[in-house]
PDB file of all heavy atoms in Angstrom:
ATOM      1  N   ALA A   1     -13.978 -14.404  22.064  1.00  0.00           N
ATOM      2  CA  ALA A   1     -13.863 -13.428  23.152  1.00  0.00           C
ATOM      3  C   ALA A   1     -13.903 -12.000  22.621  1.00  0.00           C
ATOM      4  O   ALA A   1     -14.630 -11.139  23.166  1.00  0.00           O
ATOM      5  CB  ALA A   1     -12.566 -13.677  23.919  1.00  0.00           C
ATOM      6  N   LEU A   2     -13.136 -11.730  21.547  1.00  0.00           N
ATOM      7  CA  LEU A   2     -13.146 -10.379  20.976  1.00  0.00           C
ATOM      8  C   LEU A   2     -14.526 -10.017  20.432  1.00  0.00           C
ATOM      9  O   LEU A   2     -14.995  -8.888  20.609  1.00  0.00           O
ATOM     10  CB  LEU A   2     -12.102 -10.289  19.862  1.00  0.00           C
ATOM     11  CG  LEU A   2     -10.641 -10.148  20.296  1.00  0.00           C
ATOM     12  CD1 LEU A   2      -9.727 -10.157  19.078  1.00  0.00           C
ATOM     13  CD2 LEU A   2     -10.437  -8.859  21.089  1.00  0.00           C
ATOM     14  N   ALA A   3     -15.170 -10.969  19.755  1.00  0.00           N
ATOM     15  CA  ALA A   3     -16.507 -10.699  19.228  1.00  0.00           C
ATOM     16  C   ALA A   3     -17.481 -10.366  20.350  1.00  0.00           C
ATOM     17  O   ALA A   3     -18.294  -9.434  20.237  1.00  0.00           O
ATOM     18  CB  ALA A   3     -17.003 -11.903  18.432  1.00  0.00           C
ATOM     19  N   SER A   4     -17.396 -11.100  21.451  1.00  0.00           N
ATOM     20  CA  SER A   4     -18.284 -10.828  22.588  1.00  0.00           C
ATOM     21  C   SER A   4     -18.039  -9.444  23.163  1.00  0.00           C
ATOM     22  O   SER A   4     -18.988  -8.708  23.497  1.00  0.00           O
ATOM     23  CB  SER A   4     -18.082 -11.890  23.669  1.00  0.00           C
ATOM     24  OG  SER A   4     -18.354 -13.191  23.179  1.00  0.00           O
ATOM     25  N   ILE A   5     -16.769  -9.073  23.282  1.00  0.00           N
ATOM     26  CA  ILE A   5     -16.425  -7.752  23.828  1.00  0.00           C
ATOM     27  C   ILE A   5     -16.953  -6.641  22.930  1.00  0.00           C
ATOM     28  O   ILE A   5     -17.598  -5.681  23.381  1.00  0.00           O
ATOM     29  CB  ILE A   5     -14.900  -7.630  24.009  1.00  0.00           C
ATOM     30  CG1 ILE A   5     -14.422  -8.586  25.109  1.00  0.00           C
ATOM     31  CG2 ILE A   5     -14.512  -6.182  24.342  1.00  0.00           C
ATOM     32  CD1 ILE A   5     -12.916  -8.671  25.227  1.00  0.00           C
ATOM     33  N   PHE A   6     -16.691  -6.746  21.612  1.00  0.00           N
ATOM     34  CA  PHE A   6     -17.102  -5.688  20.689  1.00  0.00           C
ATOM     35  C   PHE A   6     -18.625  -5.586  20.588  1.00  0.00           C
ATOM     36  O   PHE A   6     -19.184  -4.486  20.519  1.00  0.00           O
ATOM     37  CB  PHE A   6     -16.496  -5.935  19.302  1.00  0.00           C
ATOM     38  CG  PHE A   6     -15.002  -5.814  19.268  1.00  0.00           C
ATOM     39  CD1 PHE A   6     -14.248  -6.613  18.404  1.00  0.00           C
ATOM     40  CD2 PHE A   6     -14.336  -4.918  20.081  1.00  0.00           C
ATOM     41  CE1 PHE A   6     -12.875  -6.511  18.364  1.00  0.00           C
ATOM     42  CE2 PHE A   6     -12.948  -4.805  20.052  1.00  0.00           C
ATOM     43  CZ  PHE A   6     -12.214  -5.608  19.194  1.00  0.00           C
ATOM     44  N   ILE A   7     -19.303  -6.738  20.565  1.00  0.00           N
ATOM     45  CA  ILE A   7     -20.767  -6.719  20.484  1.00  0.00           C
ATOM     46  C   ILE A   7     -21.358  -6.106  21.746  1.00  0.00           C
ATOM     47  O   ILE A   7     -22.333  -5.343  21.691  1.00  0.00           O
ATOM     48  CB  ILE A   7     -21.306  -8.141  20.251  1.00  0.00           C
ATOM     49  CG1 ILE A   7     -20.913  -8.629  18.857  1.00  0.00           C
ATOM     50  CG2 ILE A   7     -22.829  -8.179  20.406  1.00  0.00           C
ATOM     51  CD1 ILE A   7     -21.269 -10.075  18.580  1.00  0.00           C
ATOM     52  N   THR A   8     -20.755  -6.407  22.897  1.00  0.00           N
ATOM     53  CA  THR A   8     -21.234  -5.827  24.156  1.00  0.00           C
ATOM     54  C   THR A   8     -21.009  -4.322  24.184  1.00  0.00           C
ATOM     55  O   THR A   8     -21.865  -3.556  24.647  1.00  0.00           O
ATOM     56  CB  THR A   8     -20.523  -6.488  25.343  1.00  0.00           C
ATOM     57  OG1 THR A   8     -20.747  -7.896  25.309  1.00  0.00           O
ATOM     58  CG2 THR A   8     -21.035  -5.928  26.667  1.00  0.00           C
ATOM     59  N   MET A   9     -19.844  -3.871  23.684  1.00  0.00           N
ATOM     60  CA  MET A   9     -19.547  -2.434  23.653  1.00  0.00           C
ATOM     61  C   MET A   9     -20.523  -1.678  22.758  1.00  0.00           C
ATOM     62  O   MET A   9     -20.862  -0.525  23.033  1.00  0.00           O
ATOM     63  CB  MET A   9     -18.112  -2.220  23.178  1.00  0.00           C
ATOM     64  CG  MET A   9     -17.052  -2.697  24.150  1.00  0.00           C
ATOM     65  SD  MET A   9     -15.377  -2.581  23.469  1.00  0.00           S
ATOM     66  CE  MET A   9     -15.243  -0.812  23.213  1.00  0.00           C
ATOM     67  N   GLY A  10     -20.961  -2.321  21.682  1.00  0.00           N
ATOM     68  CA  GLY A  10     -21.885  -1.648  20.762  1.00  0.00           C
ATOM     69  C   GLY A  10     -23.303  -2.133  20.896  1.00  0.00           C
ATOM     70  O   GLY A  10     -24.063  -2.088  19.922  1.00  0.00           O
ATOM     71  N   LYS A  11     -23.671  -2.594  22.065  1.00  0.00           N
ATOM     72  CA  LYS A  11     -25.007  -3.159  22.282  1.00  0.00           C
ATOM     73  C   LYS A  11     -26.073  -2.114  21.967  1.00  0.00           C
ATOM     74  O   LYS A  11     -26.042  -0.991  22.456  1.00  0.00           O
ATOM     75  CB  LYS A  11     -25.149  -3.617  23.737  1.00  0.00           C
ATOM     76  CG  LYS A  11     -26.420  -4.401  23.993  1.00  0.00           C
ATOM     77  CD  LYS A  11     -26.439  -4.944  25.416  1.00  0.00           C
ATOM     78  CE  LYS A  11     -27.696  -5.777  25.650  1.00  0.00           C
ATOM     79  NZ  LYS A  11     -27.732  -6.324  27.029  1.00  0.00           N
ATOM     80  N   GLY A  12     -27.017  -2.525  21.104  1.00  0.00           N
ATOM     81  CA  GLY A  12     -28.092  -1.624  20.719  1.00  0.00           C
ATOM     82  C   GLY A  12     -27.783  -0.803  19.484  1.00  0.00           C
ATOM     83  O   GLY A  12     -28.679  -0.160  18.932  1.00  0.00           O
ATOM     84  N   THR A  13     -26.521  -0.795  19.019  1.00  0.00           N
ATOM     85  CA  THR A  13     -26.150   0.007  17.860  1.00  0.00           C
ATOM     86  C   THR A  13     -25.674  -0.842  16.694  1.00  0.00           C
ATOM     87  O   THR A  13     -25.360  -0.298  15.644  1.00  0.00           O
ATOM     88  CB  THR A  13     -25.034   0.998  18.236  1.00  0.00           C
ATOM     89  OG1 THR A  13     -23.872   0.259  18.662  1.00  0.00           O
ATOM     90  CG2 THR A  13     -25.480   1.928  19.336  1.00  0.00           C
ATOM     91  N   MET A  14     -25.595  -2.146  16.851  1.00  0.00           N
ATOM     92  CA  MET A  14     -25.118  -3.001  15.763  1.00  0.00           C
ATOM     93  C   MET A  14     -25.972  -4.261  15.689  1.00  0.00           C
ATOM     94  O   MET A  14     -26.583  -4.687  16.669  1.00  0.00           O
ATOM     95  CB  MET A  14     -23.644  -3.376  15.966  1.00  0.00           C
ATOM     96  CG  MET A  14     -23.375  -4.298  17.161  1.00  0.00           C
ATOM     97  SD  MET A  14     -21.660  -4.860  17.244  1.00  0.00           S
ATOM     98  CE  MET A  14     -20.826  -3.321  17.551  1.00  0.00           C
ATOM     99  N   ASN A  15     -26.004  -4.817  14.490  1.00  0.00           N
ATOM    100  CA  ASN A  15     -26.746  -6.054  14.252  1.00  0.00           C
ATOM    101  C   ASN A  15     -25.892  -6.957  13.372  1.00  0.00           C
ATOM    102  O   ASN A  15     -25.793  -6.752  12.159  1.00  0.00           O
ATOM    103  CB  ASN A  15     -28.085  -5.752  13.577  1.00  0.00           C
ATOM    104  CG  ASN A  15     -28.898  -7.013  13.333  1.00  0.00           C
ATOM    105  OD1 ASN A  15     -28.628  -8.054  13.938  1.00  0.00           O
ATOM    106  ND2 ASN A  15     -29.875  -6.921  12.450  1.00  0.00           N
ATOM    107  N   VAL A  16     -25.261  -7.941  13.990  1.00  0.00           N
ATOM    108  CA  VAL A  16     -24.362  -8.837  13.258  1.00  0.00           C
ATOM    109  C   VAL A  16     -25.064 -10.135  12.867  1.00  0.00           C
ATOM    110  O   VAL A  16     -24.430 -11.035  12.322  1.00  0.00           O
ATOM    111  CB  VAL A  16     -23.106  -9.167  14.104  1.00  0.00           C
ATOM    112  CG1 VAL A  16     -22.322  -7.919  14.409  1.00  0.00           C
ATOM    113  CG2 VAL A  16     -23.498  -9.881  15.400  1.00  0.00           C
ATOM    114  N   THR A  17     -26.367 -10.212  13.132  1.00  0.00           N
ATOM    115  CA  THR A  17     -27.095 -11.451  12.822  1.00  0.00           C
ATOM    116  C   THR A  17     -27.029 -11.769  11.337  1.00  0.00           C
ATOM    117  O   THR A  17     -26.910 -12.933  10.937  1.00  0.00           O
ATOM    118  CB  THR A  17     -28.566 -11.327  13.264  1.00  0.00           C
ATOM    119  OG1 THR A  17     -28.612 -10.965  14.638  1.00  0.00           O
ATOM    120  CG2 THR A  17     -29.300 -12.638  13.054  1.00  0.00           C
ATOM    121  N   GLY A  18     -27.105 -10.732  10.503  1.00  0.00           N
ATOM    122  CA  GLY A  18     -27.055 -10.950   9.062  1.00  0.00           C
ATOM    123  C   GLY A  18     -25.742 -11.516   8.585  1.00  0.00           C
ATOM    124  O   GLY A  18     -25.664 -12.114   7.511  1.00  0.00           O
ATOM    125  N   TYR A  19     -24.684 -11.323   9.383  1.00  0.00           N
ATOM    126  CA  TYR A  19     -23.370 -11.863   9.020  1.00  0.00           C
ATOM    127  C   TYR A  19     -23.135 -13.242   9.627  1.00  0.00           C
ATOM    128  O   TYR A  19     -22.229 -13.953   9.204  1.00  0.00           O
ATOM    129  CB  TYR A  19     -22.267 -10.907   9.475  1.00  0.00           C
ATOM    130  CG  TYR A  19     -22.315  -9.571   8.776  1.00  0.00           C
ATOM    131  CD1 TYR A  19     -23.066  -8.520   9.282  1.00  0.00           C
ATOM    132  CD2 TYR A  19     -21.618  -9.362   7.590  1.00  0.00           C
ATOM    133  CE1 TYR A  19     -23.123  -7.294   8.636  1.00  0.00           C
ATOM    134  CE2 TYR A  19     -21.661  -8.142   6.942  1.00  0.00           C
ATOM    135  CZ  TYR A  19     -22.416  -7.114   7.468  1.00  0.00           C
ATOM    136  OH  TYR A  19     -22.471  -5.910   6.818  1.00  0.00           O
ATOM    137  N   LEU A  20     -23.915 -13.594  10.630  1.00  0.00           N
ATOM    138  CA  LEU A  20     -23.776 -14.917  11.242  1.00  0.00           C
ATOM    139  C   LEU A  20     -24.446 -15.993  10.393  1.00  0.00           C
ATOM    140  O   LEU A  20     -23.996 -17.141  10.358  1.00  0.00           O
ATOM    141  CB  LEU A  20     -24.402 -14.905  12.643  1.00  0.00           C
ATOM    142  CG  LEU A  20     -23.676 -14.087  13.700  1.00  0.00           C
ATOM    143  CD1 LEU A  20     -24.512 -14.031  14.976  1.00  0.00           C
ATOM    144  CD2 LEU A  20     -22.318 -14.675  14.007  1.00  0.00           C
ATOM    145  N   PHE A  21     -25.521 -15.635   9.716  1.00  0.00           N
ATOM    146  CA  PHE A  21     -26.281 -16.599   8.923  1.00  0.00           C
ATOM    147  C   PHE A  21     -26.428 -16.046   7.508  1.00  0.00           C
ATOM    148  O   PHE A  21     -26.761 -14.881   7.326  1.00  0.00           O
ATOM    149  CB  PHE A  21     -27.661 -16.853   9.534  1.00  0.00           C
ATOM    150  CG  PHE A  21     -27.610 -17.217  10.986  1.00  0.00           C
ATOM    151  CD1 PHE A  21     -27.850 -16.265  11.970  1.00  0.00           C
ATOM    152  CD2 PHE A  21     -27.299 -18.510  11.374  1.00  0.00           C
ATOM    153  CE1 PHE A  21     -27.799 -16.599  13.314  1.00  0.00           C
ATOM    154  CE2 PHE A  21     -27.239 -18.852  12.712  1.00  0.00           C
ATOM    155  CZ  PHE A  21     -27.484 -17.890  13.683  1.00  0.00           C
ATOM    156  N   GLY A  22     -26.201 -16.886   6.540  1.00  0.00           N
ATOM    157  CA  GLY A  22     -26.310 -16.466   5.145  1.00  0.00           C
ATOM    158  C   GLY A  22     -27.206 -17.406   4.369  1.00  0.00           C
ATOM    159  O   GLY A  22     -27.631 -18.452   4.864  1.00  0.00           O
ATOM    160  N   SER A  23     -27.511 -17.036   3.146  1.00  0.00           N
ATOM    161  CA  SER A  23     -28.341 -17.866   2.273  1.00  0.00           C
ATOM    162  C   SER A  23     -27.768 -17.811   0.873  1.00  0.00           C
ATOM    163  O   SER A  23     -27.440 -16.730   0.354  1.00  0.00           O
ATOM    164  CB  SER A  23     -29.794 -17.375   2.259  1.00  0.00           C
ATOM    165  OG  SER A  23     -30.547 -18.115   1.319  1.00  0.00           O
ATOM    166  N   ILE A  24     -27.637 -18.979   0.261  1.00  0.00           N
ATOM    167  CA  ILE A  24     -27.084 -19.041  -1.089  1.00  0.00           C
ATOM    168  C   ILE A  24     -28.013 -18.393  -2.100  1.00  0.00           C
ATOM    169  O   ILE A  24     -27.599 -18.001  -3.192  1.00  0.00           O
ATOM    170  CB  ILE A  24     -26.789 -20.508  -1.465  1.00  0.00           C
ATOM    171  CG1 ILE A  24     -25.874 -20.571  -2.694  1.00  0.00           C
ATOM    172  CG2 ILE A  24     -28.085 -21.275  -1.701  1.00  0.00           C
ATOM    173  CD1 ILE A  24     -25.383 -21.955  -3.004  1.00  0.00           C
ATOM    174  N   TYR A  25     -29.296 -18.239  -1.739  1.00  0.00           N
ATOM    175  CA  TYR A  25     -30.256 -17.633  -2.651  1.00  0.00           C
ATOM    176  C   TYR A  25     -30.076 -16.118  -2.765  1.00  0.00           C
ATOM    177  O   TYR A  25     -30.716 -15.496  -3.614  1.00  0.00           O
ATOM    178  CB  TYR A  25     -31.684 -17.947  -2.208  1.00  0.00           C
ATOM    179  CG  TYR A  25     -32.037 -19.400  -2.317  1.00  0.00           C
ATOM    180  CD1 TYR A  25     -32.255 -20.160  -1.182  1.00  0.00           C
ATOM    181  CD2 TYR A  25     -32.137 -20.017  -3.554  1.00  0.00           C
ATOM    182  CE1 TYR A  25     -32.575 -21.506  -1.271  1.00  0.00           C
ATOM    183  CE2 TYR A  25     -32.448 -21.364  -3.661  1.00  0.00           C
ATOM    184  CZ  TYR A  25     -32.664 -22.103  -2.518  1.00  0.00           C
ATOM    185  OH  TYR A  25     -32.970 -23.426  -2.626  1.00  0.00           O
ATOM    186  N   THR A  26     -29.255 -15.533  -1.924  1.00  0.00           N
ATOM    187  CA  THR A  26     -29.035 -14.085  -1.978  1.00  0.00           C
ATOM    188  C   THR A  26     -27.820 -13.711  -2.812  1.00  0.00           C
ATOM    189  O   THR A  26     -27.431 -12.544  -2.840  1.00  0.00           O
ATOM    190  CB  THR A  26     -28.859 -13.520  -0.555  1.00  0.00           C
ATOM    191  OG1 THR A  26     -27.709 -14.132   0.071  1.00  0.00           O
ATOM    192  CG2 THR A  26     -30.079 -13.791   0.295  1.00  0.00           C
ATOM    193  N   LEU A  27     -27.196 -14.672  -3.476  1.00  0.00           N
ATOM    194  CA  LEU A  27     -26.039 -14.372  -4.305  1.00  0.00           C
ATOM    195  C   LEU A  27     -26.419 -13.455  -5.457  1.00  0.00           C
ATOM    196  O   LEU A  27     -27.450 -13.647  -6.106  1.00  0.00           O
ATOM    197  CB  LEU A  27     -25.438 -15.662  -4.877  1.00  0.00           C
ATOM    198  CG  LEU A  27     -24.730 -16.611  -3.903  1.00  0.00           C
ATOM    199  CD1 LEU A  27     -24.296 -17.872  -4.632  1.00  0.00           C
ATOM    200  CD2 LEU A  27     -23.526 -15.946  -3.266  1.00  0.00           C
ATOM    201  N   ASP A  28     -25.580 -12.451  -5.708  1.00  0.00           N
ATOM    202  CA  ASP A  28     -25.768 -11.614  -6.880  1.00  0.00           C
ATOM    203  C   ASP A  28     -24.610 -11.855  -7.853  1.00  0.00           C
ATOM    204  O   ASP A  28     -23.744 -12.691  -7.615  1.00  0.00           O
ATOM    205  CB  ASP A  28     -25.877 -10.139  -6.500  1.00  0.00           C
ATOM    206  CG  ASP A  28     -24.686  -9.655  -5.679  1.00  0.00           C
ATOM    207  OD1 ASP A  28     -23.629 -10.318  -5.713  1.00  0.00           O
ATOM    208  OD2 ASP A  28     -24.812  -8.619  -5.012  1.00  0.00           O
ATOM    209  N   MET A  29     -24.576 -11.103  -8.946  1.00  0.00           N
ATOM    210  CA  MET A  29     -23.562 -11.337  -9.970  1.00  0.00           C
ATOM    211  C   MET A  29     -22.157 -11.044  -9.458  1.00  0.00           C
ATOM    212  O   MET A  29     -21.188 -11.740  -9.814  1.00  0.00           O
ATOM    213  CB  MET A  29     -23.870 -10.466 -11.197  1.00  0.00           C
ATOM    214  CG  MET A  29     -22.984 -10.785 -12.392  1.00  0.00           C
ATOM    215  SD  MET A  29     -23.031 -12.532 -12.883  1.00  0.00           S
ATOM    216  CE  MET A  29     -24.739 -12.679 -13.377  1.00  0.00           C
ATOM    217  N   ALA A  30     -22.016 -10.033  -8.604  1.00  0.00           N
ATOM    218  CA  ALA A  30     -20.701  -9.727  -8.040  1.00  0.00           C
ATOM    219  C   ALA A  30     -20.191 -10.882  -7.174  1.00  0.00           C
ATOM    220  O   ALA A  30     -19.009 -11.245  -7.229  1.00  0.00           O
ATOM    221  CB  ALA A  30     -20.766  -8.444  -7.218  1.00  0.00           C
ATOM    222  N   ASP A  31     -21.092 -11.474  -6.392  1.00  0.00           N
ATOM    223  CA  ASP A  31     -20.712 -12.628  -5.578  1.00  0.00           C
ATOM    224  C   ASP A  31     -20.294 -13.804  -6.455  1.00  0.00           C
ATOM    225  O   ASP A  31     -19.313 -14.506  -6.162  1.00  0.00           O
ATOM    226  CB  ASP A  31     -21.867 -13.046  -4.669  1.00  0.00           C
ATOM    227  CG  ASP A  31     -22.242 -11.970  -3.671  1.00  0.00           C
ATOM    228  OD1 ASP A  31     -21.335 -11.241  -3.235  1.00  0.00           O
ATOM    229  OD2 ASP A  31     -23.440 -11.855  -3.346  1.00  0.00           O
ATOM    230  N   LEU A  32     -21.026 -14.037  -7.544  1.00  0.00           N
ATOM    231  CA  LEU A  32     -20.685 -15.137  -8.444  1.00  0.00           C
ATOM    232  C   LEU A  32     -19.320 -14.923  -9.086  1.00  0.00           C
ATOM    233  O   LEU A  32     -18.539 -15.867  -9.238  1.00  0.00           O
ATOM    234  CB  LEU A  32     -21.752 -15.283  -9.525  1.00  0.00           C
ATOM    235  CG  LEU A  32     -23.053 -15.969  -9.132  1.00  0.00           C
ATOM    236  CD1 LEU A  32     -23.969 -16.091 -10.343  1.00  0.00           C
ATOM    237  CD2 LEU A  32     -22.777 -17.344  -8.545  1.00  0.00           C
ATOM    238  N   LEU A  33     -19.033 -13.687  -9.479  1.00  0.00           N
ATOM    239  CA  LEU A  33     -17.720 -13.402 -10.068  1.00  0.00           C
ATOM    240  C   LEU A  33     -16.609 -13.634  -9.059  1.00  0.00           C
ATOM    241  O   LEU A  33     -15.544 -14.177  -9.395  1.00  0.00           O
ATOM    242  CB  LEU A  33     -17.683 -11.961 -10.580  1.00  0.00           C
ATOM    243  CG  LEU A  33     -18.574 -11.665 -11.797  1.00  0.00           C
ATOM    244  CD1 LEU A  33     -18.531 -10.178 -12.131  1.00  0.00           C
ATOM    245  CD2 LEU A  33     -18.142 -12.496 -12.995  1.00  0.00           C
ATOM    246  N   LEU A  34     -16.847 -13.241  -7.811  1.00  0.00           N
ATOM    247  CA  LEU A  34     -15.851 -13.462  -6.768  1.00  0.00           C
ATOM    248  C   LEU A  34     -15.634 -14.955  -6.525  1.00  0.00           C
ATOM    249  O   LEU A  34     -14.479 -15.434  -6.485  1.00  0.00           O
ATOM    250  CB  LEU A  34     -16.288 -12.776  -5.478  1.00  0.00           C
ATOM    251  CG  LEU A  34     -15.364 -12.956  -4.262  1.00  0.00           C
ATOM    252  CD1 LEU A  34     -13.985 -12.385  -4.557  1.00  0.00           C
ATOM    253  CD2 LEU A  34     -15.965 -12.293  -3.030  1.00  0.00           C
ATOM    254  N   VAL A  35     -16.725 -15.709  -6.391  1.00  0.00           N
ATOM    255  CA  VAL A  35     -16.612 -17.155  -6.173  1.00  0.00           C
ATOM    256  C   VAL A  35     -15.965 -17.831  -7.378  1.00  0.00           C
ATOM    257  O   VAL A  35     -15.124 -18.729  -7.231  1.00  0.00           O
ATOM    258  CB  VAL A  35     -18.002 -17.759  -5.886  1.00  0.00           C
ATOM    259  CG1 VAL A  35     -17.920 -19.278  -5.800  1.00  0.00           C
ATOM    260  CG2 VAL A  35     -18.565 -17.199  -4.591  1.00  0.00           C
ATOM    261  N   GLY A  36     -16.331 -17.390  -8.577  1.00  0.00           N
ATOM    262  CA  GLY A  36     -15.733 -17.963  -9.776  1.00  0.00           C
ATOM    263  C   GLY A  36     -14.244 -17.699  -9.864  1.00  0.00           C
ATOM    264  O   GLY A  36     -13.471 -18.583 -10.242  1.00  0.00           O
ATOM    265  N   GLY A  37     -13.821 -16.482  -9.504  1.00  0.00           N
ATOM    266  CA  GLY A  37     -12.391 -16.168  -9.517  1.00  0.00           C
ATOM    267  C   GLY A  37     -11.608 -16.999  -8.525  1.00  0.00           C
ATOM    268  O   GLY A  37     -10.527 -17.533  -8.842  1.00  0.00           O
ATOM    269  N   VAL A  38     -12.144 -17.125  -7.314  1.00  0.00           N
ATOM    270  CA  VAL A  38     -11.470 -17.943  -6.299  1.00  0.00           C
ATOM    271  C   VAL A  38     -11.418 -19.405  -6.722  1.00  0.00           C
ATOM    272  O   VAL A  38     -10.396 -20.088  -6.563  1.00  0.00           O
ATOM    273  CB  VAL A  38     -12.180 -17.792  -4.935  1.00  0.00           C
ATOM    274  CG1 VAL A  38     -11.570 -18.738  -3.907  1.00  0.00           C
ATOM    275  CG2 VAL A  38     -12.083 -16.358  -4.443  1.00  0.00           C
ATOM    276  N   THR A  39     -12.521 -19.903  -7.304  1.00  0.00           N
ATOM    277  CA  THR A  39     -12.547 -21.291  -7.769  1.00  0.00           C
ATOM    278  C   THR A  39     -11.510 -21.526  -8.861  1.00  0.00           C
ATOM    279  O   THR A  39     -10.816 -22.555  -8.863  1.00  0.00           O
ATOM    280  CB  THR A  39     -13.945 -21.645  -8.306  1.00  0.00           C
ATOM    281  OG1 THR A  39     -14.911 -21.432  -7.274  1.00  0.00           O
ATOM    282  CG2 THR A  39     -14.004 -23.092  -8.760  1.00  0.00           C
ATOM    283  N   LEU A  40     -11.377 -20.585  -9.778  1.00  0.00           N
ATOM    284  CA  LEU A  40     -10.380 -20.714 -10.843  1.00  0.00           C
ATOM    285  C   LEU A  40      -8.968 -20.764 -10.276  1.00  0.00           C
ATOM    286  O   LEU A  40      -8.143 -21.583 -10.693  1.00  0.00           O
ATOM    287  CB  LEU A  40     -10.524 -19.548 -11.829  1.00  0.00           C
ATOM    288  CG  LEU A  40      -9.528 -19.525 -12.990  1.00  0.00           C
ATOM    289  CD1 LEU A  40      -9.674 -20.774 -13.850  1.00  0.00           C
ATOM    290  CD2 LEU A  40      -9.719 -18.272 -13.830  1.00  0.00           C
ATOM    291  N   ILE A  41      -8.679 -19.895  -9.301  1.00  0.00           N
ATOM    292  CA  ILE A  41      -7.348 -19.890  -8.687  1.00  0.00           C
ATOM    293  C   ILE A  41      -7.072 -21.217  -7.988  1.00  0.00           C
ATOM    294  O   ILE A  41      -5.980 -21.797  -8.116  1.00  0.00           O
ATOM    295  CB  ILE A  41      -7.238 -18.709  -7.700  1.00  0.00           C
ATOM    296  CG1 ILE A  41      -7.282 -17.381  -8.448  1.00  0.00           C
ATOM    297  CG2 ILE A  41      -5.950 -18.808  -6.881  1.00  0.00           C
ATOM    298  CD1 ILE A  41      -7.344 -16.172  -7.553  1.00  0.00           C
ATOM    299  N   VAL A  42      -8.065 -21.719  -7.258  1.00  0.00           N
ATOM    300  CA  VAL A  42      -7.895 -23.000  -6.554  1.00  0.00           C
ATOM    301  C   VAL A  42      -7.666 -24.130  -7.546  1.00  0.00           C
ATOM    302  O   VAL A  42      -6.796 -24.987  -7.346  1.00  0.00           O
ATOM    303  CB  VAL A  42      -9.119 -23.273  -5.667  1.00  0.00           C
ATOM    304  CG1 VAL A  42      -9.065 -24.699  -5.107  1.00  0.00           C
ATOM    305  CG2 VAL A  42      -9.181 -22.281  -4.521  1.00  0.00           C
ATOM    306  N   LEU A  43      -8.424 -24.156  -8.637  1.00  0.00           N
ATOM    307  CA  LEU A  43      -8.263 -25.198  -9.642  1.00  0.00           C
ATOM    308  C   LEU A  43      -6.879 -25.149 -10.278  1.00  0.00           C
ATOM    309  O   LEU A  43      -6.255 -26.194 -10.520  1.00  0.00           O
ATOM    310  CB  LEU A  43      -9.339 -25.071 -10.718  1.00  0.00           C
ATOM    311  CG  LEU A  43     -10.768 -25.419 -10.295  1.00  0.00           C
ATOM    312  CD1 LEU A  43     -11.741 -25.117 -11.427  1.00  0.00           C
ATOM    313  CD2 LEU A  43     -10.872 -26.883  -9.905  1.00  0.00           C
TER     314      LEU A  43
END
C-alpha cells in the first residue's frame, strides 16, 4: 500500500523498475564483498 501511494505521488518522476528486478550478472566487487561479509557472519 505504501509503495503504491509513493509511486503514485511521484508518477513520471521515478523509475523503480530497476529495483524490482535484478540480475546476478551485474554484481561488482563491492557487491561481492558485501555478500561475502554477510555470508561469513551467517556461517
